[in-house]
Amino acid sequence: MIIRDETVADYEDVYRLILEAFAAAEHTDGNEQDLVVDLRKGK
């Protein structure tokens, strides 16, 4: 396994991954993927 920093090219894949990962979570508000976007922007 190679662990590396995320690049801009990864953003869409990471967004979809988080969306799918939390889709069936018991405690979710459905915006976890958007939180990651906001964190990247420094909000």
Protein backbone atom coordinates (compact mmCIF):
# COMPACT_ATOMS: atom_id res chain seq x y z
CA MET A 1 0.00 0.00 0.00
CA ILE A 2 1.24 3.45 -0.88
CA ILE A 3 0.03 6.35 1.25
CA ARG A 4 0.39 9.78 -0.31
CA ASP A 5 -1.06 13.25 -0.04
CA GLU A 6 -4.29 13.92 -1.85
CA THR A 7 -4.06 15.88 -5.10
CA VAL A 8 -6.67 17.97 -6.91
CA ALA A 9 -7.06 15.09 -9.35
CA ASP A 10 -8.29 12.94 -6.43
CA TYR A 11 -11.06 15.29 -5.25
CA GLU A 12 -13.92 13.82 -7.29
CA ASP A 13 -13.01 10.22 -6.40
CA VAL A 14 -12.66 11.08 -2.71
CA TYR A 15 -16.01 12.91 -2.77
CA ARG A 16 -17.77 9.84 -4.23
CA LEU A 17 -15.96 7.51 -1.84
CA ILE A 18 -17.13 9.48 1.20
CA LEU A 19 -20.66 9.74 -0.21
CA GLU A 20 -20.83 5.97 -0.65
CA ALA A 21 -19.12 5.23 2.67
CA PHE A 22 -21.72 7.16 4.66
CA ALA A 23 -24.77 6.23 2.54
CA ALA A 24 -25.80 3.42 4.88
CA ALA A 25 -24.37 4.84 8.10
CA GLU A 26 -26.71 4.81 11.07
CA HIS A 27 -25.77 8.32 12.21
CA THR A 28 -25.32 10.60 9.22
CA ASP A 29 -26.68 13.90 8.06
CA GLY A 30 -25.79 13.23 4.44
CA ASN A 31 -23.27 16.02 4.02
CA GLU A 32 -20.02 14.39 5.15
CA GLN A 33 -18.60 14.68 1.65
CA ASP A 34 -19.38 18.40 1.64
CA LEU A 35 -17.60 18.80 4.97
CA VAL A 36 -14.41 17.53 3.32
CA VAL A 37 -14.83 20.11 0.55
CA ASP A 38 -15.24 22.86 3.16
CA LEU A 39 -12.19 21.63 5.09
CA ARG A 40 -10.11 21.87 1.94
CA LYS A 41 -11.27 25.48 1.52
CA GLY A 42 -10.33 26.23 5.12
CA LYS A 43 -13.86 26.97 6.27
